[in-house]
Amino acid sequence: MLARTLVLATLLAAPALAQDKGPPQDPPKRIRSILLYGDQQCPASTDPDEIVVCATTGDSPYRIPKRFRGEAKTDPASTSWSRRMEVVEDVNRAGLPNSCSAIGTGGQTGCTRKFIQQWAQERLEKEAKAAKVP
């Protein structure tokens, strides 16, 4: 019985003997995360209880990343639905009244309307030019 108690006490004390005898280490009180742009340098820590973590992100934060820069796509999948509907309406407009086309019965009214609008625009431009002359 006494032997069992001694073995049990030795086993319970073994983890305590394996630990460091030094003072416990506290985590830092402050951690700063900084994003660097361009040629910026990482600032040094002024406080021993502070850790500074820097990450370089490349160009300016207001610049579009290189992977998104490029020419606008003109394929059908990149066309907006509103633009697609405008094209469909323009194509289907032929033959309707005020369409200025030779197809259908209402095409001639659209041509007359178009010519009147063009004449009115030219007249406005002439008046604007005349007003600018000193």
Protein backbone atom coordinates (compact mmCIF):
# COMPACT_ATOMS: atom_id res chain seq x y z
CA MET A 1 0.00 0.00 0.00
CA LEU A 2 2.79 2.38 0.86
CA ALA A 3 4.57 1.47 -2.35
CA ARG A 4 1.50 2.31 -4.40
CA THR A 5 1.23 5.71 -2.73
CA LEU A 6 4.89 6.49 -3.46
CA VAL A 7 4.55 5.47 -7.13
CA LEU A 8 1.39 7.57 -7.50
CA ALA A 9 3.04 10.62 -5.88
CA THR A 10 6.09 10.25 -8.18
CA LEU A 11 3.91 10.06 -11.29
CA LEU A 12 1.92 13.15 -10.28
CA ALA A 13 5.08 15.17 -9.58
CA ALA A 14 6.85 14.20 -12.86
CA PRO A 15 5.11 16.84 -15.07
CA ALA A 16 5.92 19.57 -12.53
CA LEU A 17 9.63 18.63 -12.62
CA ALA A 18 9.71 18.78 -16.47
CA GLN A 19 8.60 22.42 -16.60
CA ASP A 20 10.96 25.42 -17.02
CA LYS A 21 12.03 27.15 -13.88
CA GLY A 22 12.09 30.64 -15.57
CA PRO A 23 9.43 33.35 -15.27
CA PRO A 24 6.29 32.93 -17.37
CA GLN A 25 6.33 34.79 -20.74
CA ASP A 26 3.45 37.25 -21.26
CA PRO A 27 2.14 37.92 -24.77
CA PRO A 28 2.84 41.39 -26.22
CA LYS A 29 0.42 44.08 -25.16
CA ARG A 30 0.01 45.55 -28.65
CA ILE A 31 0.22 44.15 -32.20
CA ARG A 32 0.10 46.60 -35.15
CA SER A 33 -0.72 45.39 -38.66
CA ILE A 34 0.37 47.80 -41.42
CA LEU A 35 -0.21 47.61 -45.19
CA LEU A 36 2.63 49.08 -47.25
CA TYR A 37 2.17 50.53 -50.74
CA GLY A 38 4.88 51.18 -53.31
CA ASP A 39 8.31 51.84 -51.75
CA GLN A 40 7.15 52.43 -48.17
CA GLN A 41 9.30 51.03 -45.37
CA CYS A 42 8.06 49.12 -42.34
CA PRO A 43 8.29 51.34 -39.21
CA ALA A 44 10.33 50.03 -36.29
CA SER A 45 8.67 49.24 -33.00
CA THR A 46 9.35 51.86 -30.32
CA ASP A 47 7.89 49.90 -27.42
CA PRO A 48 9.25 46.50 -26.27
CA ASP A 49 5.67 45.34 -25.64
CA GLU A 50 4.68 46.00 -29.26
CA ILE A 51 4.98 43.84 -32.39
CA VAL A 52 4.76 45.47 -35.83
CA VAL A 53 3.56 43.25 -38.70
CA CYS A 54 3.99 44.69 -42.23
CA ALA A 55 2.59 43.43 -45.53
CA THR A 56 3.49 44.79 -48.97
CA THR A 57 0.49 45.11 -51.29
CA GLY A 58 2.11 46.60 -54.37
CA ASP A 59 0.84 49.78 -56.08
CA SER A 60 -1.42 52.47 -54.70
CA PRO A 61 -4.54 51.37 -52.80
CA TYR A 62 -6.64 53.43 -55.24
CA ARG A 63 -5.31 51.79 -58.38
CA ILE A 64 -7.13 48.95 -60.11
CA PRO A 65 -5.15 45.70 -59.72
CA LYS A 66 -3.24 44.57 -62.83
CA ARG A 67 -5.36 41.46 -63.27
CA PHE A 68 -8.47 43.65 -63.73
CA ARG A 69 -6.84 46.24 -65.96
CA GLY A 70 -7.28 45.75 -69.64
CA GLU A 71 -9.58 46.52 -72.46
CA ALA A 72 -13.30 46.29 -72.04
CA LYS A 73 -14.78 43.07 -73.26
CA THR A 74 -17.02 43.33 -76.30
CA ASP A 75 -18.20 39.75 -76.51
CA PRO A 76 -21.95 39.11 -76.18
CA ALA A 77 -21.60 37.61 -72.70
CA SER A 78 -20.13 40.91 -71.41
CA THR A 79 -22.87 43.11 -72.90
CA SER A 80 -25.41 44.47 -70.43
CA TRP A 81 -29.05 43.47 -70.74
CA SER A 82 -30.17 47.07 -71.16
CA ARG A 83 -27.87 47.48 -74.18
CA ARG A 84 -29.12 44.20 -75.63
CA MET A 85 -32.70 45.43 -75.34
CA GLU A 86 -31.81 48.74 -77.03
CA VAL A 87 -30.36 46.83 -79.98
CA VAL A 88 -33.43 44.59 -80.20
CA GLU A 89 -35.75 47.61 -80.10
CA ASP A 90 -33.74 49.40 -82.83
CA VAL A 91 -33.83 46.34 -85.07
CA ASN A 92 -37.54 45.74 -84.51
CA ARG A 93 -38.37 49.43 -85.04
CA ALA A 94 -38.14 49.09 -88.83
CA GLY A 95 -41.61 49.21 -90.33
CA LEU A 96 -43.27 50.90 -87.34
CA PRO A 97 -44.66 54.43 -87.55
CA ASN A 98 -41.96 57.13 -87.30
CA SER A 99 -39.21 54.62 -88.16
CA CYS A 100 -37.93 56.28 -91.39
CA SER A 101 -37.68 53.05 -93.34
CA ALA A 102 -38.96 51.84 -96.68
CA ILE A 103 -40.50 48.83 -94.98
CA GLY A 104 -44.09 49.10 -93.76
CA THR A 105 -46.72 51.77 -94.01
CA GLY A 106 -45.49 54.24 -91.36
CA GLY A 107 -41.90 54.71 -92.52
CA GLN A 108 -42.45 57.99 -94.38
CA THR A 109 -43.65 59.81 -91.24
CA GLY A 110 -40.41 58.99 -89.46
CA CYS A 111 -38.32 60.43 -92.31
CA THR A 112 -40.27 63.69 -92.25
CA ARG A 113 -39.90 63.87 -88.48
CA LYS A 114 -36.16 63.16 -88.75
CA PHE A 115 -35.67 65.96 -91.30
CA ILE A 116 -37.63 68.45 -89.18
CA GLN A 117 -35.55 67.60 -86.08
CA GLN A 118 -32.33 67.94 -88.10
CA TRP A 119 -33.45 71.36 -89.44
CA ALA A 120 -34.34 72.56 -85.91
CA GLN A 121 -30.95 71.44 -84.57
CA GLU A 122 -29.10 73.27 -87.37
CA ARG A 123 -31.12 76.42 -86.68
CA LEU A 124 -30.23 76.28 -82.96
CA GLU A 125 -26.55 75.87 -83.81
CA LYS A 126 -26.67 78.90 -86.17
CA GLU A 127 -28.32 81.01 -83.47
CA ALA A 128 -25.69 79.91 -80.92
CA LYS A 129 -22.88 80.87 -83.33
CA ALA A 130 -24.50 84.22 -84.03
CA ALA A 131 -24.78 84.93 -80.30
CA LYS A 132 -21.04 84.30 -79.85
CA VAL A 133 -20.02 86.84 -82.50
CA PRO A 134 -19.08 90.15 -80.78
